[in-house]
């Protein structure tokens, strides 16, 4: 019996992560070599400054996550979604 090609959530996640990584790299390169203000702006979402620390005497856990979004990241996410639905 032949199985049809199915796209699951893992495939979407991989397309989005590839789009985010490639888009961020392209956005940083464009910000370095371009004079447009659009490429120089970025937003940081997450913990800023010192991360949250949970000290349990035996083990010390540090929690922190920061996501930096720029114009290239947004374009990469859009491109990842388009490629996911196209292929």
PDB file of N, CA and C in Angstrom:
ATOM      1  N   UNK A   1       0.842  -1.166   0.000  1.00  0.00           N
ATOM      2  CA  UNK A   1       0.000   0.000   0.000  1.00  0.00           C
ATOM      3  C   UNK A   1       0.893   1.238   0.000  1.00  0.00           C
ATOM      4  N   UNK A   2       0.556   2.168  -0.821  1.00  0.00           N
ATOM      5  CA  UNK A   2       1.351   3.380  -0.945  1.00  0.00           C
ATOM      6  C   UNK A   2       0.878   4.439   0.036  1.00  0.00           C
ATOM      7  N   UNK A   3       1.823   5.018   0.740  1.00  0.00           N
ATOM      8  CA  UNK A   3       1.475   6.068   1.700  1.00  0.00           C
ATOM      9  C   UNK A   3       1.618   7.417   1.027  1.00  0.00           C
ATOM     10  N   UNK A   4       0.679   8.297   1.308  1.00  0.00           N
ATOM     11  CA  UNK A   4       0.768   9.651   0.789  1.00  0.00           C
ATOM     12  C   UNK A   4       1.754  10.473   1.604  1.00  0.00           C
ATOM     13  N   UNK A   5       2.274  11.490   0.972  1.00  0.00           N
ATOM     14  CA  UNK A   5       3.227  12.351   1.677  1.00  0.00           C
ATOM     15  C   UNK A   5       2.461  13.276   2.608  1.00  0.00           C
ATOM     16  N   UNK A   6       2.780  13.194   3.873  1.00  0.00           N
ATOM     17  CA  UNK A   6       2.107  14.042   4.849  1.00  0.00           C
ATOM     18  C   UNK A   6       3.108  15.022   5.446  1.00  0.00           C
ATOM     19  N   UNK A   7       2.641  16.203   5.681  1.00  0.00           N
ATOM     20  CA  UNK A   7       3.467  17.219   6.329  1.00  0.00           C
ATOM     21  C   UNK A   7       2.922  17.416   7.731  1.00  0.00           C
ATOM     22  N   UNK A   8       3.749  17.154   8.683  1.00  0.00           N
ATOM     23  CA  UNK A   8       3.330  17.269  10.058  1.00  0.00           C
ATOM     24  C   UNK A   8       3.860  18.538  10.693  1.00  0.00           C
ATOM     25  N   UNK A   9       3.604  18.701  11.978  1.00  0.00           N
ATOM     26  CA  UNK A   9       4.066  19.895  12.683  1.00  0.00           C
ATOM     27  C   UNK A   9       5.591  19.972  12.792  1.00  0.00           C
ATOM     28  N   UNK A  10       6.262  18.819  12.773  1.00  0.00           N
ATOM     29  CA  UNK A  10       7.722  18.838  12.828  1.00  0.00           C
ATOM     30  C   UNK A  10       8.309  19.460  11.559  1.00  0.00           C
ATOM     31  N   UNK A  11       7.701  19.170  10.418  1.00  0.00           N
ATOM     32  CA  UNK A  11       8.159  19.763   9.163  1.00  0.00           C
ATOM     33  C   UNK A  11       7.961  21.272   9.180  1.00  0.00           C
ATOM     34  N   UNK A  12       6.817  21.732   9.664  1.00  0.00           N
ATOM     35  CA  UNK A  12       6.571  23.169   9.769  1.00  0.00           C
ATOM     36  C   UNK A  12       7.582  23.820  10.702  1.00  0.00           C
ATOM     37  N   UNK A  13       7.857  23.177  11.836  1.00  0.00           N
ATOM     38  CA  UNK A  13       8.830  23.699  12.787  1.00  0.00           C
ATOM     39  C   UNK A  13      10.214  23.827  12.147  1.00  0.00           C
ATOM     40  N   UNK A  14      10.618  22.803  11.382  1.00  0.00           N
ATOM     41  CA  UNK A  14      11.931  22.852  10.730  1.00  0.00           C
ATOM     42  C   UNK A  14      11.997  23.950   9.676  1.00  0.00           C
ATOM     43  N   UNK A  15      10.933  24.130   8.891  1.00  0.00           N
ATOM     44  CA  UNK A  15      10.901  25.213   7.908  1.00  0.00           C
ATOM     45  C   UNK A  15      10.972  26.579   8.595  1.00  0.00           C
ATOM     46  N   UNK A  16      10.236  26.738   9.701  1.00  0.00           N
ATOM     47  CA  UNK A  16      10.251  28.016  10.416  1.00  0.00           C
ATOM     48  C   UNK A  16      11.617  28.293  11.036  1.00  0.00           C
ATOM     49  N   UNK A  17      12.233  27.284  11.642  1.00  0.00           N
ATOM     50  CA  UNK A  17      13.551  27.485  12.245  1.00  0.00           C
ATOM     51  C   UNK A  17      14.596  27.825  11.191  1.00  0.00           C
ATOM     52  N   UNK A  18      14.544  27.140  10.045  1.00  0.00           N
ATOM     53  CA  UNK A  18      15.479  27.460   8.957  1.00  0.00           C
ATOM     54  C   UNK A  18      15.247  28.881   8.463  1.00  0.00           C
ATOM     55  N   UNK A  19      13.984  29.289   8.346  1.00  0.00           N
ATOM     56  CA  UNK A  19      13.671  30.649   7.920  1.00  0.00           C
ATOM     57  C   UNK A  19      14.139  31.690   8.917  1.00  0.00           C
ATOM     58  N   UNK A  20      13.992  31.393  10.200  1.00  0.00           N
ATOM     59  CA  UNK A  20      14.426  32.324  11.248  1.00  0.00           C
ATOM     60  C   UNK A  20      15.940  32.480  11.236  1.00  0.00           C
ATOM     61  N   UNK A  21      16.655  31.375  11.144  1.00  0.00           N
ATOM     62  CA  UNK A  21      18.120  31.439  11.171  1.00  0.00           C
ATOM     63  C   UNK A  21      18.670  32.137   9.937  1.00  0.00           C
ATOM     64  N   UNK A  22      18.192  31.741   8.766  1.00  0.00           N
ATOM     65  CA  UNK A  22      18.685  32.359   7.528  1.00  0.00           C
ATOM     66  C   UNK A  22      18.256  33.818   7.448  1.00  0.00           C
ATOM     67  N   UNK A  23      17.009  34.109   7.825  1.00  0.00           N
ATOM     68  CA  UNK A  23      16.524  35.483   7.787  1.00  0.00           C
ATOM     69  C   UNK A  23      17.265  36.398   8.746  1.00  0.00           C
ATOM     70  N   UNK A  24      17.595  35.892   9.927  1.00  0.00           N
ATOM     71  CA  UNK A  24      18.354  36.705  10.890  1.00  0.00           C
ATOM     72  C   UNK A  24      19.752  37.000  10.372  1.00  0.00           C
ATOM     73  N   UNK A  25      20.378  36.001   9.765  1.00  0.00           N
ATOM     74  CA  UNK A  25      21.718  36.217   9.214  1.00  0.00           C
ATOM     75  C   UNK A  25      21.684  37.238   8.086  1.00  0.00           C
ATOM     76  N   UNK A  26      20.716  37.112   7.194  1.00  0.00           N
ATOM     77  CA  UNK A  26      20.595  38.070   6.087  1.00  0.00           C
ATOM     78  C   UNK A  26      20.255  39.459   6.621  1.00  0.00           C
ATOM     79  N   UNK A  27      19.389  39.539   7.631  1.00  0.00           N
ATOM     80  CA  UNK A  27      19.048  40.828   8.227  1.00  0.00           C
ATOM     81  C   UNK A  27      20.247  41.513   8.861  1.00  0.00           C
ATOM     82  N   UNK A  28      21.095  40.738   9.529  1.00  0.00           N
ATOM     83  CA  UNK A  28      22.304  41.315  10.133  1.00  0.00           C
ATOM     84  C   UNK A  28      23.292  41.783   9.070  1.00  0.00           C
ATOM     85  N   UNK A  29      23.411  41.028   7.991  1.00  0.00           N
ATOM     86  CA  UNK A  29      24.298  41.445   6.897  1.00  0.00           C
ATOM     87  C   UNK A  29      23.775  42.714   6.240  1.00  0.00           C
ATOM     88  N   UNK A  30      22.475  42.784   6.001  1.00  0.00           N
ATOM     89  CA  UNK A  30      21.896  43.984   5.402  1.00  0.00           C
ATOM     90  C   UNK A  30      22.031  45.189   6.332  1.00  0.00           C
ATOM     91  N   UNK A  31      21.911  44.969   7.629  1.00  0.00           N
ATOM     92  CA  UNK A  31      22.065  46.075   8.581  1.00  0.00           C
ATOM     93  C   UNK A  31      23.493  46.610   8.575  1.00  0.00           C
ATOM     94  N   UNK A  32      24.453  45.734   8.375  1.00  0.00           N
ATOM     95  CA  UNK A  32      25.846  46.157   8.384  1.00  0.00           C
ATOM     96  C   UNK A  32      26.201  46.973   7.134  1.00  0.00           C
ATOM     97  N   UNK A  33      25.671  46.575   5.988  1.00  0.00           N
ATOM     98  CA  UNK A  33      26.082  47.196   4.730  1.00  0.00           C
ATOM     99  C   UNK A  33      25.045  48.130   4.125  1.00  0.00           C
ATOM    100  N   UNK A  34      23.951  48.375   4.812  1.00  0.00           N
ATOM    101  CA  UNK A  34      22.898  49.233   4.281  1.00  0.00           C
ATOM    102  C   UNK A  34      22.732  50.475   5.162  1.00  0.00           C
ATOM    103  N   UNK A  35      22.264  51.538   4.542  1.00  0.00           N
ATOM    104  CA  UNK A  35      21.995  52.766   5.283  1.00  0.00           C
ATOM    105  C   UNK A  35      20.520  52.899   5.661  1.00  0.00           C
ATOM    106  N   UNK A  36      19.680  51.977   5.203  1.00  0.00           N
ATOM    107  CA  UNK A  36      18.247  52.053   5.484  1.00  0.00           C
ATOM    108  C   UNK A  36      17.986  51.802   6.967  1.00  0.00           C
ATOM    109  N   UNK A  37      17.163  52.632   7.554  1.00  0.00           N
ATOM    110  CA  UNK A  37      16.844  52.530   8.979  1.00  0.00           C
ATOM    111  C   UNK A  37      16.050  51.262   9.297  1.00  0.00           C
ATOM    112  N   UNK A  38      15.327  50.747   8.317  1.00  0.00           N
ATOM    113  CA  UNK A  38      14.512  49.557   8.508  1.00  0.00           C
ATOM    114  C   UNK A  38      15.350  48.354   8.928  1.00  0.00           C
ATOM    115  N   UNK A  39      16.539  48.224   8.390  1.00  0.00           N
ATOM    116  CA  UNK A  39      17.394  47.076   8.701  1.00  0.00           C
ATOM    117  C   UNK A  39      18.135  47.231  10.025  1.00  0.00           C
ATOM    118  N   UNK A  40      18.211  48.427  10.563  1.00  0.00           N
ATOM    119  CA  UNK A  40      18.948  48.670  11.804  1.00  0.00           C
ATOM    120  C   UNK A  40      18.090  48.482  13.056  1.00  0.00           C
ATOM    121  N   UNK A  41      16.790  48.357  12.889  1.00  0.00           N
ATOM    122  CA  UNK A  41      15.912  48.210  14.040  1.00  0.00           C
ATOM    123  C   UNK A  41      15.735  46.732  14.378  1.00  0.00           C
ATOM    124  N   UNK A  42      15.765  46.428  15.659  1.00  0.00           N
ATOM    125  CA  UNK A  42      15.483  45.073  16.129  1.00  0.00           C
ATOM    126  C   UNK A  42      14.786  45.166  17.481  1.00  0.00           C
ATOM    127  N   UNK A  43      13.998  44.156  17.778  1.00  0.00           N
ATOM    128  CA  UNK A  43      13.247  44.111  19.020  1.00  0.00           C
ATOM    129  C   UNK A  43      13.684  42.885  19.802  1.00  0.00           C
ATOM    130  N   UNK A  44      13.859  43.046  21.100  1.00  0.00           N
ATOM    131  CA  UNK A  44      14.257  41.942  21.967  1.00  0.00           C
ATOM    132  C   UNK A  44      13.067  41.555  22.833  1.00  0.00           C
ATOM    133  N   UNK A  45      12.681  40.295  22.736  1.00  0.00           N
ATOM    134  CA  UNK A  45      11.581  39.771  23.533  1.00  0.00           C
ATOM    135  C   UNK A  45      12.169  38.746  24.494  1.00  0.00           C
ATOM    136  N   UNK A  46      11.880  38.867  25.755  1.00  0.00           N
ATOM    137  CA  UNK A  46      12.367  37.894  26.732  1.00  0.00           C
ATOM    138  C   UNK A  46      13.017  38.569  27.911  1.00  0.00           C
ATOM    139  N   UNK A  47      13.844  37.802  28.609  1.00  0.00           N
ATOM    140  CA  UNK A  47      14.499  38.324  29.798  1.00  0.00           C
ATOM    141  C   UNK A  47      15.633  39.251  29.390  1.00  0.00           C
ATOM    142  N   UNK A  48      15.659  40.388  30.005  1.00  0.00           N
ATOM    143  CA  UNK A  48      16.732  41.344  29.770  1.00  0.00           C
ATOM    144  C   UNK A  48      17.395  41.619  31.109  1.00  0.00           C
ATOM    145  N   UNK A  49      18.666  41.820  31.085  1.00  0.00           N
ATOM    146  CA  UNK A  49      19.392  41.994  32.338  1.00  0.00           C
ATOM    147  C   UNK A  49      19.761  40.637  32.889  1.00  0.00           C
ATOM    148  N   UNK A  50      19.564  40.459  34.174  1.00  0.00           N
ATOM    149  CA  UNK A  50      19.921  39.180  34.793  1.00  0.00           C
ATOM    150  C   UNK A  50      18.764  38.199  34.658  1.00  0.00           C
ATOM    151  N   UNK A  51      19.062  36.949  34.342  1.00  0.00           N
ATOM    152  CA  UNK A  51      17.994  35.948  34.249  1.00  0.00           C
ATOM    153  C   UNK A  51      17.517  35.514  35.628  1.00  0.00           C
ATOM    154  N   UNK A  52      16.387  34.832  35.667  1.00  0.00           N
ATOM    155  CA  UNK A  52      15.839  34.318  36.924  1.00  0.00           C
ATOM    156  C   UNK A  52      16.672  33.132  37.397  1.00  0.00           C
ATOM    157  N   UNK A  53      17.010  33.117  38.678  1.00  0.00           N
ATOM    158  CA  UNK A  53      17.849  32.057  39.249  1.00  0.00           C
ATOM    159  C   UNK A  53      17.083  31.367  40.366  1.00  0.00           C
ATOM    160  N   UNK A  54      17.053  30.038  40.306  1.00  0.00           N
ATOM    161  CA  UNK A  54      16.440  29.225  41.348  1.00  0.00           C
ATOM    162  C   UNK A  54      17.553  28.429  42.019  1.00  0.00           C
ATOM    163  N   UNK A  55      17.844  28.777  43.279  1.00  0.00           N
ATOM    164  CA  UNK A  55      18.933  28.129  44.011  1.00  0.00           C
ATOM    165  C   UNK A  55      18.340  27.097  44.969  1.00  0.00           C
ATOM    166  N   UNK A  56      18.615  25.814  44.689  1.00  0.00           N
ATOM    167  CA  UNK A  56      18.101  24.722  45.512  1.00  0.00           C
ATOM    168  C   UNK A  56      19.201  24.064  46.343  1.00  0.00           C
ATOM    169  N   UNK A  57      20.241  24.789  46.652  1.00  0.00           N
ATOM    170  CA  UNK A  57      21.394  24.372  47.426  1.00  0.00           C
ATOM    171  C   UNK A  57      22.212  23.306  46.678  1.00  0.00           C
ATOM    172  N   UNK A  58      21.594  22.222  46.295  1.00  0.00           N
ATOM    173  CA  UNK A  58      22.311  21.169  45.570  1.00  0.00           C
ATOM    174  C   UNK A  58      22.527  21.568  44.114  1.00  0.00           C
ATOM    175  N   UNK A  59      21.542  22.202  43.575  1.00  0.00           N
ATOM    176  CA  UNK A  59      21.571  22.561  42.152  1.00  0.00           C
ATOM    177  C   UNK A  59      21.097  24.002  42.003  1.00  0.00           C
ATOM    178  N   UNK A  60      21.696  24.697  41.072  1.00  0.00           N
ATOM    179  CA  UNK A  60      21.279  26.069  40.796  1.00  0.00           C
ATOM    180  C   UNK A  60      20.796  26.134  39.356  1.00  0.00           C
ATOM    181  N   UNK A  61      19.531  26.523  39.178  1.00  0.00           N
ATOM    182  CA  UNK A  61      18.932  26.609  37.853  1.00  0.00           C
ATOM    183  C   UNK A  61      18.831  28.066  37.425  1.00  0.00           C
ATOM    184  N   UNK A  62      19.235  28.333  36.217  1.00  0.00           N
ATOM    185  CA  UNK A  62      19.153  29.678  35.662  1.00  0.00           C
ATOM    186  C   UNK A  62      18.216  29.654  34.464  1.00  0.00           C
ATOM    187  N   UNK A  63      17.208  30.504  34.496  1.00  0.00           N
ATOM    188  CA  UNK A  63      16.213  30.567  33.434  1.00  0.00           C
ATOM    189  C   UNK A  63      16.354  31.889  32.691  1.00  0.00           C
ATOM    190  N   UNK A  64      16.475  31.799  31.385  1.00  0.00           N
ATOM    191  CA  UNK A  64      16.547  33.005  30.582  1.00  0.00           C
ATOM    192  C   UNK A  64      16.340  32.682  29.117  1.00  0.00           C
ATOM    193  N   UNK A  65      15.632  33.544  28.423  1.00  0.00           N
ATOM    194  CA  UNK A  65      15.384  33.362  27.005  1.00  0.00           C
ATOM    195  C   UNK A  65      15.203  34.736  26.387  1.00  0.00           C
ATOM    196  N   UNK A  66      15.925  34.986  25.328  1.00  0.00           N
ATOM    197  CA  UNK A  66      15.774  36.237  24.589  1.00  0.00           C
ATOM    198  C   UNK A  66      15.656  35.925  23.111  1.00  0.00           C
ATOM    199  N   UNK A  67      14.710  36.558  22.475  1.00  0.00           N
ATOM    200  CA  UNK A  67      14.509  36.412  21.044  1.00  0.00           C
ATOM    201  C   UNK A  67      14.698  37.787  20.420  1.00  0.00           C
ATOM    202  N   UNK A  68      15.597  37.876  19.459  1.00  0.00           N
ATOM    203  CA  UNK A  68      15.868  39.132  18.778  1.00  0.00           C
ATOM    204  C   UNK A  68      15.215  39.060  17.404  1.00  0.00           C
ATOM    205  N   UNK A  69      14.295  39.970  17.154  1.00  0.00           N
ATOM    206  CA  UNK A  69      13.549  39.986  15.900  1.00  0.00           C
ATOM    207  C   UNK A  69      13.955  41.221  15.112  1.00  0.00           C
ATOM    208  N   UNK A  70      14.359  40.999  13.859  1.00  0.00           N
ATOM    209  CA  UNK A  70      14.635  42.107  12.963  1.00  0.00           C
ATOM    210  C   UNK A  70      13.863  41.887  11.665  1.00  0.00           C
ATOM    211  N   UNK A  71      14.058  42.760  10.708  1.00  0.00           N
ATOM    212  CA  UNK A  71      13.317  42.687   9.453  1.00  0.00           C
ATOM    213  C   UNK A  71      13.615  41.385   8.708  1.00  0.00           C
ATOM    214  N   UNK A  72      14.854  40.940   8.735  1.00  0.00           N
ATOM    215  CA  UNK A  72      15.225  39.696   8.076  1.00  0.00           C
ATOM    216  C   UNK A  72      14.561  38.490   8.707  1.00  0.00           C
ATOM    217  N   UNK A  73      14.385  38.498  10.012  1.00  0.00           N
ATOM    218  CA  UNK A  73      13.721  37.400  10.710  1.00  0.00           C
ATOM    219  C   UNK A  73      12.272  37.272  10.260  1.00  0.00           C
ATOM    220  N   UNK A  74      11.599  38.396  10.133  1.00  0.00           N
ATOM    221  CA  UNK A  74      10.201  38.386   9.692  1.00  0.00           C
ATOM    222  C   UNK A  74      10.101  37.861   8.268  1.00  0.00           C
ATOM    223  N   UNK A  75      11.008  38.310   7.393  1.00  0.00           N
ATOM    224  CA  UNK A  75      11.008  37.808   6.019  1.00  0.00           C
ATOM    225  C   UNK A  75      11.309  36.313   5.979  1.00  0.00           C
ATOM    226  N   UNK A  76      12.202  35.838   6.830  1.00  0.00           N
ATOM    227  CA  UNK A  76      12.518  34.414   6.886  1.00  0.00           C
ATOM    228  C   UNK A  76      11.350  33.570   7.341  1.00  0.00           C
ATOM    229  N   UNK A  77      10.584  34.050   8.308  1.00  0.00           N
ATOM    230  CA  UNK A  77       9.400  33.323   8.775  1.00  0.00           C
ATOM    231  C   UNK A  77       8.365  33.241   7.660  1.00  0.00           C
ATOM    232  N   UNK A  78       8.145  34.352   6.978  1.00  0.00           N
ATOM    233  CA  UNK A  78       7.177  34.366   5.868  1.00  0.00           C
ATOM    234  C   UNK A  78       7.624  33.415   4.766  1.00  0.00           C
ATOM    235  N   UNK A  79       8.910  33.441   4.434  1.00  0.00           N
ATOM    236  CA  UNK A  79       9.439  32.544   3.412  1.00  0.00           C
ATOM    237  C   UNK A  79       9.323  31.083   3.841  1.00  0.00           C
ATOM    238  N   UNK A  80       9.572  30.785   5.106  1.00  0.00           N
ATOM    239  CA  UNK A  80       9.423  29.422   5.615  1.00  0.00           C
ATOM    240  C   UNK A  80       7.996  28.918   5.510  1.00  0.00           C
ATOM    241  N   UNK A  81       7.024  29.769   5.827  1.00  0.00           N
ATOM    242  CA  UNK A  81       5.614  29.377   5.722  1.00  0.00           C
ATOM    243  C   UNK A  81       5.226  29.148   4.269  1.00  0.00           C
ATOM    244  N   UNK A  82       5.673  30.033   3.369  1.00  0.00           N
ATOM    245  CA  UNK A  82       5.374  29.871   1.943  1.00  0.00           C
ATOM    246  C   UNK A  82       5.972  28.566   1.417  1.00  0.00           C
ATOM    247  N   UNK A  83       7.213  28.271   1.770  1.00  0.00           N
ATOM    248  CA  UNK A  83       7.853  27.037   1.301  1.00  0.00           C
ATOM    249  C   UNK A  83       7.184  25.799   1.897  1.00  0.00           C
ATOM    250  N   UNK A  84       6.735  25.893   3.125  1.00  0.00           N
ATOM    251  CA  UNK A  84       6.032  24.766   3.751  1.00  0.00           C
ATOM    252  C   UNK A  84       4.763  24.420   2.991  1.00  0.00           C
ATOM    253  N   UNK A  85       3.955  25.397   2.644  1.00  0.00           N
ATOM    254  CA  UNK A  85       2.708  25.124   1.959  1.00  0.00           C
ATOM    255  C   UNK A  85       2.903  24.820   0.484  1.00  0.00           C
ATOM    256  N   UNK A  86       4.022  25.252  -0.082  1.00  0.00           N
ATOM    257  CA  UNK A  86       4.269  24.999  -1.509  1.00  0.00           C
ATOM    258  C   UNK A  86       4.794  23.578  -1.726  1.00  0.00           C
ATOM    259  N   UNK A  87       5.614  23.078  -0.828  1.00  0.00           N
ATOM    260  CA  UNK A  87       6.249  21.755  -1.036  1.00  0.00           C
ATOM    261  C   UNK A  87       5.778  20.733  -0.079  1.00  0.00           C
TER     262      UNK A  87
END
